[in-house]
Amino acid sequence: QTEAMTLGDRIVIMRDGFIQQIGTPQEVFDHPNNLFVSG
């Protein structure tokens, strides 16, 4: 996740084949969609 946060204009967080959240690194850090993304 350090690579994701430092490199991406946007990051796509995946779990079990599904997209959990799409957003800028700051967006997903400040406003995680769910418990998995927040952790």
PDB file of all heavy atoms in Angstrom:
ATOM      1  N   GLN A   1       0.816  -1.211   0.000  1.00  0.00           N
ATOM      2  CA  GLN A   1       0.000   0.000   0.000  1.00  0.00           C
ATOM      3  C   GLN A   1       0.856   1.271   0.000  1.00  0.00           C
ATOM      4  O   GLN A   1       0.412   2.317  -0.458  1.00  0.00           O
ATOM      5  CB  GLN A   1      -0.982  -0.015   1.166  1.00  0.00           C
ATOM      6  CG  GLN A   1      -0.386  -0.253   2.514  1.00  0.00           C
ATOM      7  CD  GLN A   1      -0.285   1.010   3.343  1.00  0.00           C
ATOM      8  OE1 GLN A   1      -0.731   2.055   2.924  1.00  0.00           O
ATOM      9  NE2 GLN A   1       0.296   0.893   4.515  1.00  0.00           N
ATOM     10  N   THR A   2       2.125   1.185   0.451  1.00  0.00           N
ATOM     11  CA  THR A   2       2.999   2.363   0.387  1.00  0.00           C
ATOM     12  C   THR A   2       3.288   2.726  -1.059  1.00  0.00           C
ATOM     13  O   THR A   2       3.257   3.907  -1.442  1.00  0.00           O
ATOM     14  CB  THR A   2       4.330   2.094   1.139  1.00  0.00           C
ATOM     15  OG1 THR A   2       4.029   1.728   2.482  1.00  0.00           O
ATOM     16  CG2 THR A   2       5.215   3.331   1.133  1.00  0.00           C
ATOM     17  N   GLU A   3       3.551   1.709  -1.900  1.00  0.00           N
ATOM     18  CA  GLU A   3       3.744   1.966  -3.335  1.00  0.00           C
ATOM     19  C   GLU A   3       2.489   2.572  -3.941  1.00  0.00           C
ATOM     20  O   GLU A   3       2.551   3.523  -4.722  1.00  0.00           O
ATOM     21  CB  GLU A   3       4.076   0.657  -4.073  1.00  0.00           C
ATOM     22  CG  GLU A   3       5.506   0.209  -3.915  1.00  0.00           C
ATOM     23  CD  GLU A   3       5.768  -1.100  -4.641  1.00  0.00           C
ATOM     24  OE1 GLU A   3       5.191  -1.336  -5.724  1.00  0.00           O
ATOM     25  OE2 GLU A   3       6.554  -1.905  -4.118  1.00  0.00           O
ATOM     26  N   ALA A   4       1.349   2.014  -3.589  1.00  0.00           N
ATOM     27  CA  ALA A   4       0.086   2.511  -4.136  1.00  0.00           C
ATOM     28  C   ALA A   4      -0.127   3.973  -3.779  1.00  0.00           C
ATOM     29  O   ALA A   4      -0.488   4.802  -4.625  1.00  0.00           O
ATOM     30  CB  ALA A   4      -1.080   1.664  -3.622  1.00  0.00           C
ATOM     31  N   MET A   5       0.115   4.316  -2.512  1.00  0.00           N
ATOM     32  CA  MET A   5      -0.138   5.673  -2.041  1.00  0.00           C
ATOM     33  C   MET A   5       0.819   6.682  -2.654  1.00  0.00           C
ATOM     34  O   MET A   5       0.453   7.827  -2.914  1.00  0.00           O
ATOM     35  CB  MET A   5      -0.027   5.728  -0.513  1.00  0.00           C
ATOM     36  CG  MET A   5      -1.065   4.911   0.229  1.00  0.00           C
ATOM     37  SD  MET A   5      -2.720   5.618   0.143  1.00  0.00           S
ATOM     38  CE  MET A   5      -2.601   6.945   1.329  1.00  0.00           C
ATOM     39  N   THR A   6       2.067   6.276  -2.904  1.00  0.00           N
ATOM     40  CA  THR A   6       3.062   7.232  -3.390  1.00  0.00           C
ATOM     41  C   THR A   6       3.081   7.357  -4.917  1.00  0.00           C
ATOM     42  O   THR A   6       3.472   8.400  -5.437  1.00  0.00           O
ATOM     43  CB  THR A   6       4.476   6.846  -2.912  1.00  0.00           C
ATOM     44  OG1 THR A   6       4.728   5.479  -3.264  1.00  0.00           O
ATOM     45  CG2 THR A   6       4.611   7.005  -1.420  1.00  0.00           C
ATOM     46  N   LEU A   7       2.637   6.319  -5.624  1.00  0.00           N
ATOM     47  CA  LEU A   7       2.754   6.324  -7.088  1.00  0.00           C
ATOM     48  C   LEU A   7       1.477   6.734  -7.813  1.00  0.00           C
ATOM     49  O   LEU A   7       1.537   7.392  -8.853  1.00  0.00           O
ATOM     50  CB  LEU A   7       3.175   4.931  -7.585  1.00  0.00           C
ATOM     51  CG  LEU A   7       4.580   4.462  -7.232  1.00  0.00           C
ATOM     52  CD1 LEU A   7       4.768   3.008  -7.650  1.00  0.00           C
ATOM     53  CD2 LEU A   7       5.629   5.342  -7.888  1.00  0.00           C
ATOM     54  N   GLY A   8       0.324   6.336  -7.312  1.00  0.00           N
ATOM     55  CA  GLY A   8      -0.893   6.422  -8.104  1.00  0.00           C
ATOM     56  C   GLY A   8      -1.566   7.780  -8.116  1.00  0.00           C
ATOM     57  O   GLY A   8      -1.638   8.464  -7.091  1.00  0.00           O
ATOM     58  N   ASP A   9      -2.059   8.187  -9.296  1.00  0.00           N
ATOM     59  CA  ASP A   9      -3.018   9.306  -9.360  1.00  0.00           C
ATOM     60  C   ASP A   9      -4.311   8.859  -8.683  1.00  0.00           C
ATOM     61  O   ASP A   9      -4.913   9.598  -7.918  1.00  0.00           O
ATOM     62  CB  ASP A   9      -3.314   9.694 -10.819  1.00  0.00           C
ATOM     63  CG  ASP A   9      -2.100  10.254 -11.528  1.00  0.00           C
ATOM     64  OD1 ASP A   9      -1.278  10.898 -10.852  1.00  0.00           O
ATOM     65  OD2 ASP A   9      -1.968  10.034 -12.741  1.00  0.00           O
ATOM     66  N   ARG A  10      -4.723   7.639  -9.020  1.00  0.00           N
ATOM     67  CA  ARG A  10      -5.848   6.995  -8.335  1.00  0.00           C
ATOM     68  C   ARG A  10      -5.438   5.563  -8.018  1.00  0.00           C
ATOM     69  O   ARG A  10      -4.619   4.973  -8.726  1.00  0.00           O
ATOM     70  CB  ARG A  10      -7.110   6.977  -9.215  1.00  0.00           C
ATOM     71  CG  ARG A  10      -7.783   8.324  -9.367  1.00  0.00           C
ATOM     72  CD  ARG A  10      -9.108   8.179 -10.108  1.00  0.00           C
ATOM     73  NE  ARG A  10      -8.925   7.657 -11.456  1.00  0.00           N
ATOM     74  CZ  ARG A  10      -9.862   6.996 -12.137  1.00  0.00           C
ATOM     75  NH1 ARG A  10     -11.039   6.749 -11.586  1.00  0.00           N
ATOM     76  NH2 ARG A  10      -9.624   6.577 -13.370  1.00  0.00           N
ATOM     77  N   ILE A  11      -6.011   5.015  -6.962  1.00  0.00           N
ATOM     78  CA  ILE A  11      -5.747   3.622  -6.638  1.00  0.00           C
ATOM     79  C   ILE A  11      -7.057   2.844  -6.626  1.00  0.00           C
ATOM     80  O   ILE A  11      -8.110   3.378  -6.283  1.00  0.00           O
ATOM     81  CB  ILE A  11      -4.963   3.453  -5.321  1.00  0.00           C
ATOM     82  CG1 ILE A  11      -5.714   4.033  -4.137  1.00  0.00           C
ATOM     83  CG2 ILE A  11      -3.612   4.102  -5.412  1.00  0.00           C
ATOM     84  CD1 ILE A  11      -4.945   3.876  -2.834  1.00  0.00           C
ATOM     85  N   VAL A  12      -6.956   1.595  -7.055  1.00  0.00           N
ATOM     86  CA  VAL A  12      -8.106   0.687  -7.107  1.00  0.00           C
ATOM     87  C   VAL A  12      -7.826  -0.418  -6.095  1.00  0.00           C
ATOM     88  O   VAL A  12      -6.897  -1.204  -6.278  1.00  0.00           O
ATOM     89  CB  VAL A  12      -8.276   0.091  -8.521  1.00  0.00           C
ATOM     90  CG1 VAL A  12      -9.473  -0.861  -8.557  1.00  0.00           C
ATOM     91  CG2 VAL A  12      -8.429   1.197  -9.557  1.00  0.00           C
ATOM     92  N   ILE A  13      -8.616  -0.454  -5.030  1.00  0.00           N
ATOM     93  CA  ILE A  13      -8.397  -1.452  -3.970  1.00  0.00           C
ATOM     94  C   ILE A  13      -9.306  -2.641  -4.249  1.00  0.00           C
ATOM     95  O   ILE A  13     -10.521  -2.495  -4.395  1.00  0.00           O
ATOM     96  CB  ILE A  13      -8.687  -0.853  -2.587  1.00  0.00           C
ATOM     97  CG1 ILE A  13      -7.770   0.355  -2.356  1.00  0.00           C
ATOM     98  CG2 ILE A  13      -8.479  -1.887  -1.486  1.00  0.00           C
ATOM     99  CD1 ILE A  13      -8.256   1.304  -1.316  1.00  0.00           C
ATOM    100  N   MET A  14      -8.701  -3.840  -4.326  1.00  0.00           N
ATOM    101  CA  MET A  14      -9.437  -5.049  -4.679  1.00  0.00           C
ATOM    102  C   MET A  14      -9.424  -6.061  -3.540  1.00  0.00           C
ATOM    103  O   MET A  14      -8.493  -6.103  -2.734  1.00  0.00           O
ATOM    104  CB  MET A  14      -8.847  -5.688  -5.936  1.00  0.00           C
ATOM    105  CG  MET A  14      -8.958  -4.833  -7.176  1.00  0.00           C
ATOM    106  SD  MET A  14      -8.318  -5.689  -8.637  1.00  0.00           S
ATOM    107  CE  MET A  14      -9.534  -7.013  -8.833  1.00  0.00           C
ATOM    108  N   ARG A  15     -10.472  -6.857  -3.506  1.00  0.00           N
ATOM    109  CA  ARG A  15     -10.567  -7.959  -2.538  1.00  0.00           C
ATOM    110  C   ARG A  15     -11.454  -9.044  -3.126  1.00  0.00           C
ATOM    111  O   ARG A  15     -12.566  -8.757  -3.580  1.00  0.00           O
ATOM    112  CB  ARG A  15     -11.163  -7.457  -1.227  1.00  0.00           C
ATOM    113  CG  ARG A  15     -11.273  -8.522  -0.139  1.00  0.00           C
ATOM    114  CD  ARG A  15     -12.107  -7.996   1.006  1.00  0.00           C
ATOM    115  NE  ARG A  15     -12.065  -8.862   2.173  1.00  0.00           N
ATOM    116  CZ  ARG A  15     -12.873  -8.740   3.216  1.00  0.00           C
ATOM    117  NH1 ARG A  15     -13.789  -7.767   3.232  1.00  0.00           N
ATOM    118  NH2 ARG A  15     -12.778  -9.564   4.219  1.00  0.00           N
ATOM    119  N   ASP A  16     -10.958 -10.267  -3.151  1.00  0.00           N
ATOM    120  CA  ASP A  16     -11.741 -11.423  -3.608  1.00  0.00           C
ATOM    121  C   ASP A  16     -12.373 -11.204  -4.978  1.00  0.00           C
ATOM    122  O   ASP A  16     -13.510 -11.597  -5.222  1.00  0.00           O
ATOM    123  CB  ASP A  16     -12.830 -11.770  -2.592  1.00  0.00           C
ATOM    124  CG  ASP A  16     -12.263 -12.091  -1.225  1.00  0.00           C
ATOM    125  OD1 ASP A  16     -11.067 -12.455  -1.151  1.00  0.00           O
ATOM    126  OD2 ASP A  16     -12.993 -11.973  -0.230  1.00  0.00           O
ATOM    127  N   GLY A  17     -11.648 -10.546  -5.886  1.00  0.00           N
ATOM    128  CA  GLY A  17     -12.128 -10.362  -7.252  1.00  0.00           C
ATOM    129  C   GLY A  17     -13.007  -9.155  -7.473  1.00  0.00           C
ATOM    130  O   GLY A  17     -13.375  -8.853  -8.607  1.00  0.00           O
ATOM    131  N   PHE A  18     -13.359  -8.439  -6.410  1.00  0.00           N
ATOM    132  CA  PHE A  18     -14.233  -7.271  -6.528  1.00  0.00           C
ATOM    133  C   PHE A  18     -13.464  -5.991  -6.200  1.00  0.00           C
ATOM    134  O   PHE A  18     -12.586  -5.984  -5.335  1.00  0.00           O
ATOM    135  CB  PHE A  18     -15.419  -7.368  -5.557  1.00  0.00           C
ATOM    136  CG  PHE A  18     -16.467  -8.360  -5.954  1.00  0.00           C
ATOM    137  CD1 PHE A  18     -16.420  -9.665  -5.484  1.00  0.00           C
ATOM    138  CD2 PHE A  18     -17.510  -8.002  -6.800  1.00  0.00           C
ATOM    139  CE1 PHE A  18     -17.387 -10.590  -5.837  1.00  0.00           C
ATOM    140  CE2 PHE A  18     -18.479  -8.909  -7.163  1.00  0.00           C
ATOM    141  CZ  PHE A  18     -18.422 -10.212  -6.685  1.00  0.00           C
ATOM    142  N   ILE A  19     -13.837  -4.894  -6.862  1.00  0.00           N
ATOM    143  CA  ILE A  19     -13.311  -3.580  -6.499  1.00  0.00           C
ATOM    144  C   ILE A  19     -14.000  -3.128  -5.216  1.00  0.00           C
ATOM    145  O   ILE A  19     -15.221  -3.139  -5.109  1.00  0.00           O
ATOM    146  CB  ILE A  19     -13.577  -2.555  -7.626  1.00  0.00           C
ATOM    147  CG1 ILE A  19     -12.745  -2.894  -8.867  1.00  0.00           C
ATOM    148  CG2 ILE A  19     -13.248  -1.128  -7.151  1.00  0.00           C
ATOM    149  CD1 ILE A  19     -13.037  -2.008 -10.064  1.00  0.00           C
ATOM    150  N   GLN A  20     -13.204  -2.720  -4.238  1.00  0.00           N
ATOM    151  CA  GLN A  20     -13.737  -2.210  -2.977  1.00  0.00           C
ATOM    152  C   GLN A  20     -13.875  -0.690  -2.987  1.00  0.00           C
ATOM    153  O   GLN A  20     -14.819  -0.138  -2.417  1.00  0.00           O
ATOM    154  CB  GLN A  20     -12.825  -2.619  -1.819  1.00  0.00           C
ATOM    155  CG  GLN A  20     -12.659  -4.116  -1.653  1.00  0.00           C
ATOM    156  CD  GLN A  20     -13.945  -4.803  -1.252  1.00  0.00           C
ATOM    157  OE1 GLN A  20     -14.570  -4.443  -0.259  1.00  0.00           O
ATOM    158  NE2 GLN A  20     -14.366  -5.790  -2.026  1.00  0.00           N
ATOM    159  N   GLN A  21     -12.910  -0.017  -3.631  1.00  0.00           N
ATOM    160  CA  GLN A  21     -12.958   1.450  -3.690  1.00  0.00           C
ATOM    161  C   GLN A  21     -11.990   1.934  -4.748  1.00  0.00           C
ATOM    162  O   GLN A  21     -10.933   1.347  -4.968  1.00  0.00           O
ATOM    163  CB  GLN A  21     -12.601   2.067  -2.332  1.00  0.00           C
ATOM    164  CG  GLN A  21     -12.787   3.582  -2.277  1.00  0.00           C
ATOM    165  CD  GLN A  21     -12.720   4.128  -0.858  1.00  0.00           C
ATOM    166  OE1 GLN A  21     -12.617   3.381   0.111  1.00  0.00           O
ATOM    167  NE2 GLN A  21     -12.801   5.443  -0.719  1.00  0.00           N
ATOM    168  N   ILE A  22     -12.367   3.028  -5.419  1.00  0.00           N
ATOM    169  CA  ILE A  22     -11.496   3.713  -6.375  1.00  0.00           C
ATOM    170  C   ILE A  22     -11.413   5.166  -5.941  1.00  0.00           C
ATOM    171  O   ILE A  22     -12.435   5.801  -5.657  1.00  0.00           O
ATOM    172  CB  ILE A  22     -12.053   3.648  -7.812  1.00  0.00           C
ATOM    173  CG1 ILE A  22     -12.235   2.191  -8.254  1.00  0.00           C
ATOM    174  CG2 ILE A  22     -11.133   4.391  -8.781  1.00  0.00           C
ATOM    175  CD1 ILE A  22     -12.972   2.050  -9.584  1.00  0.00           C
ATOM    176  N   GLY A  23     -10.222   5.712  -5.872  1.00  0.00           N
ATOM    177  CA  GLY A  23     -10.089   7.117  -5.497  1.00  0.00           C
ATOM    178  C   GLY A  23      -8.637   7.535  -5.465  1.00  0.00           C
ATOM    179  O   GLY A  23      -7.723   6.720  -5.665  1.00  0.00           O
ATOM    180  N   THR A  24      -8.397   8.814  -5.221  1.00  0.00           N
ATOM    181  CA  THR A  24      -7.027   9.282  -5.037  1.00  0.00           C
ATOM    182  C   THR A  24      -6.495   8.696  -3.729  1.00  0.00           C
ATOM    183  O   THR A  24      -7.280   8.303  -2.855  1.00  0.00           O
ATOM    184  CB  THR A  24      -6.961  10.814  -4.968  1.00  0.00           C
ATOM    185  OG1 THR A  24      -7.643  11.251  -3.773  1.00  0.00           O
ATOM    186  CG2 THR A  24      -7.616  11.463  -6.184  1.00  0.00           C
ATOM    187  N   PRO A  25      -5.170   8.631  -3.580  1.00  0.00           N
ATOM    188  CA  PRO A  25      -4.624   8.124  -2.320  1.00  0.00           C
ATOM    189  C   PRO A  25      -5.179   8.853  -1.102  1.00  0.00           C
ATOM    190  O   PRO A  25      -5.501   8.229  -0.090  1.00  0.00           O
ATOM    191  CB  PRO A  25      -3.117   8.356  -2.477  1.00  0.00           C
ATOM    192  CG  PRO A  25      -2.883   8.265  -3.957  1.00  0.00           C
ATOM    193  CD  PRO A  25      -4.100   8.881  -4.581  1.00  0.00           C
ATOM    194  N   GLN A  26      -5.328  10.175  -1.205  1.00  0.00           N
ATOM    195  CA  GLN A  26      -5.845  10.939  -0.067  1.00  0.00           C
ATOM    196  C   GLN A  26      -7.306  10.608   0.216  1.00  0.00           C
ATOM    197  O   GLN A  26      -7.723  10.499   1.375  1.00  0.00           O
ATOM    198  CB  GLN A  26      -5.693  12.444  -0.323  1.00  0.00           C
ATOM    199  CG  GLN A  26      -5.753  13.292   0.938  1.00  0.00           C
ATOM    200  CD  GLN A  26      -4.600  13.015   1.890  1.00  0.00           C
ATOM    201  OE1 GLN A  26      -3.448  13.051   1.501  1.00  0.00           O
ATOM    202  NE2 GLN A  26      -4.906  12.716   3.153  1.00  0.00           N
ATOM    203  N   GLU A  27      -8.092  10.416  -0.846  1.00  0.00           N
ATOM    204  CA  GLU A  27      -9.517  10.080  -0.667  1.00  0.00           C
ATOM    205  C   GLU A  27      -9.698   8.752   0.060  1.00  0.00           C
ATOM    206  O   GLU A  27     -10.498   8.654   0.989  1.00  0.00           O
ATOM    207  CB  GLU A  27     -10.225  10.029  -2.034  1.00  0.00           C
ATOM    208  CG  GLU A  27     -10.527  11.381  -2.634  1.00  0.00           C
ATOM    209  CD  GLU A  27     -11.001  11.285  -4.076  1.00  0.00           C
ATOM    210  OE1 GLU A  27     -10.982  10.173  -4.655  1.00  0.00           O
ATOM    211  OE2 GLU A  27     -11.390  12.326  -4.633  1.00  0.00           O
ATOM    212  N   VAL A  28      -8.960   7.728  -0.362  1.00  0.00           N
ATOM    213  CA  VAL A  28      -9.165   6.423   0.267  1.00  0.00           C
ATOM    214  C   VAL A  28      -8.585   6.380   1.676  1.00  0.00           C
ATOM    215  O   VAL A  28      -9.041   5.621   2.526  1.00  0.00           O
ATOM    216  CB  VAL A  28      -8.601   5.264  -0.596  1.00  0.00           C
ATOM    217  CG1 VAL A  28      -9.307   5.183  -1.927  1.00  0.00           C
ATOM    218  CG2 VAL A  28      -7.097   5.391  -0.786  1.00  0.00           C
ATOM    219  N   PHE A  29      -7.587   7.226   1.935  1.00  0.00           N
ATOM    220  CA  PHE A  29      -7.034   7.310   3.288  1.00  0.00           C
ATOM    221  C   PHE A  29      -7.999   8.045   4.215  1.00  0.00           C
ATOM    222  O   PHE A  29      -8.249   7.600   5.346  1.00  0.00           O
ATOM    223  CB  PHE A  29      -5.684   8.035   3.256  1.00  0.00           C
ATOM    224  CG  PHE A  29      -4.989   8.117   4.592  1.00  0.00           C
ATOM    225  CD1 PHE A  29      -4.221   7.054   5.057  1.00  0.00           C
ATOM    226  CD2 PHE A  29      -5.107   9.243   5.393  1.00  0.00           C
ATOM    227  CE1 PHE A  29      -3.589   7.120   6.295  1.00  0.00           C
ATOM    228  CE2 PHE A  29      -4.480   9.313   6.627  1.00  0.00           C
ATOM    229  CZ  PHE A  29      -3.716   8.253   7.072  1.00  0.00           C
ATOM    230  N   ASP A  30      -8.552   9.153   3.743  1.00  0.00           N
ATOM    231  CA  ASP A  30      -9.434   9.974   4.583  1.00  0.00           C
ATOM    232  C   ASP A  30     -10.857   9.443   4.660  1.00  0.00           C
ATOM    233  O   ASP A  30     -11.535   9.637   5.671  1.00  0.00           O
ATOM    234  CB  ASP A  30      -9.481  11.417   4.052  1.00  0.00           C
ATOM    235  CG  ASP A  30      -8.164  12.154   4.242  1.00  0.00           C
ATOM    236  OD1 ASP A  30      -7.369  11.733   5.110  1.00  0.00           O
ATOM    237  OD2 ASP A  30      -7.922  13.139   3.520  1.00  0.00           O
ATOM    238  N   HIS A  31     -11.323   8.804   3.569  1.00  0.00           N
ATOM    239  CA  HIS A  31     -12.726   8.382   3.503  1.00  0.00           C
ATOM    240  C   HIS A  31     -12.843   6.939   3.011  1.00  0.00           C
ATOM    241  O   HIS A  31     -13.353   6.694   1.911  1.00  0.00           O
ATOM    242  CB  HIS A  31     -13.523   9.315   2.574  1.00  0.00           C
ATOM    243  CG  HIS A  31     -13.384  10.765   2.920  1.00  0.00           C
ATOM    244  ND1 HIS A  31     -13.842  11.295   4.102  1.00  0.00           N
ATOM    245  CD2 HIS A  31     -12.822  11.793   2.232  1.00  0.00           C
ATOM    246  CE1 HIS A  31     -13.587  12.590   4.140  1.00  0.00           C
ATOM    247  NE2 HIS A  31     -12.961  12.921   3.025  1.00  0.00           N
ATOM    248  N   PRO A  32     -12.363   5.959   3.794  1.00  0.00           N
ATOM    249  CA  PRO A  32     -12.480   4.561   3.350  1.00  0.00           C
ATOM    250  C   PRO A  32     -13.938   4.119   3.268  1.00  0.00           C
ATOM    251  O   PRO A  32     -14.735   4.437   4.152  1.00  0.00           O
ATOM    252  CB  PRO A  32     -11.734   3.789   4.446  1.00  0.00           C
ATOM    253  CG  PRO A  32     -11.779   4.685   5.648  1.00  0.00           C
ATOM    254  CD  PRO A  32     -11.749   6.084   5.125  1.00  0.00           C
ATOM    255  N   ASN A  33     -14.272   3.401   2.199  1.00  0.00           N
ATOM    256  CA  ASN A  33     -15.650   2.952   1.969  1.00  0.00           C
ATOM    257  C   ASN A  33     -16.112   1.919   2.987  1.00  0.00           C
ATOM    258  O   ASN A  33     -17.287   1.832   3.295  1.00  0.00           O
ATOM    259  CB  ASN A  33     -15.781   2.315   0.573  1.00  0.00           C
ATOM    260  CG  ASN A  33     -16.129   3.345  -0.479  1.00  0.00           C
ATOM    261  OD1 ASN A  33     -16.345   4.501  -0.163  1.00  0.00           O
ATOM    262  ND2 ASN A  33     -16.165   2.913  -1.727  1.00  0.00           N
ATOM    263  N   ASN A  34     -15.175   1.088   3.443  1.00  0.00           N
ATOM    264  CA  ASN A  34     -15.566  -0.004   4.332  1.00  0.00           C
ATOM    265  C   ASN A  34     -14.411  -0.393   5.243  1.00  0.00           C
ATOM    266  O   ASN A  34     -13.307   0.161   5.158  1.00  0.00           O
ATOM    267  CB  ASN A  34     -16.072  -1.210   3.520  1.00  0.00           C
ATOM    268  CG  ASN A  34     -15.049  -1.697   2.509  1.00  0.00           C
ATOM    269  OD1 ASN A  34     -13.856  -1.776   2.794  1.00  0.00           O
ATOM    270  ND2 ASN A  34     -15.506  -2.032   1.303  1.00  0.00           N
ATOM    271  N   LEU A  35     -14.690  -1.344   6.109  1.00  0.00           N
ATOM    272  CA  LEU A  35     -13.721  -1.781   7.116  1.00  0.00           C
ATOM    273  C   LEU A  35     -12.454  -2.336   6.470  1.00  0.00           C
ATOM    274  O   LEU A  35     -11.342  -2.080   6.936  1.00  0.00           O
ATOM    275  CB  LEU A  35     -14.383  -2.850   7.996  1.00  0.00           C
ATOM    276  CG  LEU A  35     -13.878  -3.019   9.424  1.00  0.00           C
ATOM    277  CD1 LEU A  35     -14.061  -1.735  10.224  1.00  0.00           C
ATOM    278  CD2 LEU A  35     -14.611  -4.168  10.107  1.00  0.00           C
ATOM    279  N   PHE A  36     -12.609  -3.096   5.373  1.00  0.00           N
ATOM    280  CA  PHE A  36     -11.447  -3.688   4.710  1.00  0.00           C
ATOM    281  C   PHE A  36     -10.507  -2.598   4.197  1.00  0.00           C
ATOM    282  O   PHE A  36      -9.298  -2.649   4.425  1.00  0.00           O
ATOM    283  CB  PHE A  36     -11.886  -4.585   3.555  1.00  0.00           C
ATOM    284  CG  PHE A  36     -10.728  -5.057   2.710  1.00  0.00           C
ATOM    285  CD1 PHE A  36      -9.906  -6.077   3.155  1.00  0.00           C
ATOM    286  CD2 PHE A  36     -10.449  -4.463   1.493  1.00  0.00           C
ATOM    287  CE1 PHE A  36      -8.822  -6.497   2.398  1.00  0.00           C
ATOM    288  CE2 PHE A  36      -9.373  -4.873   0.726  1.00  0.00           C
ATOM    289  CZ  PHE A  36      -8.562  -5.902   1.181  1.00  0.00           C
ATOM    290  N   VAL A  37     -11.051  -1.614   3.495  1.00  0.00           N
ATOM    291  CA  VAL A  37     -10.221  -0.533   2.942  1.00  0.00           C
ATOM    292  C   VAL A  37      -9.532   0.230   4.065  1.00  0.00           C
ATOM    293  O   VAL A  37      -8.345   0.559   3.985  1.00  0.00           O
ATOM    294  CB  VAL A  37     -11.063   0.420   2.072  1.00  0.00           C
ATOM    295  CG1 VAL A  37     -10.244   1.633   1.642  1.00  0.00           C
ATOM    296  CG2 VAL A  37     -11.608  -0.306   0.846  1.00  0.00           C
ATOM    297  N   SER A  38     -10.263   0.497   5.137  1.00  0.00           N
ATOM    298  CA  SER A  38      -9.691   1.271   6.247  1.00  0.00           C
ATOM    299  C   SER A  38      -8.510   0.547   6.873  1.00  0.00           C
ATOM    300  O   SER A  38      -7.539   1.176   7.294  1.00  0.00           O
ATOM    301  CB  SER A  38     -10.763   1.548   7.308  1.00  0.00           C
ATOM    302  OG  SER A  38     -11.090   0.368   8.029  1.00  0.00           O
ATOM    303  N   GLY A  39      -8.571  -0.775   6.931  1.00  0.00           N
ATOM    304  CA  GLY A  39      -7.483  -1.553   7.516  1.00  0.00           C
ATOM    305  C   GLY A  39      -6.341  -1.800   6.557  1.00  0.00           C
ATOM    306  O   GLY A  39      -5.194  -1.952   6.975  1.00  0.00           O
TER     307      GLY A  39
END
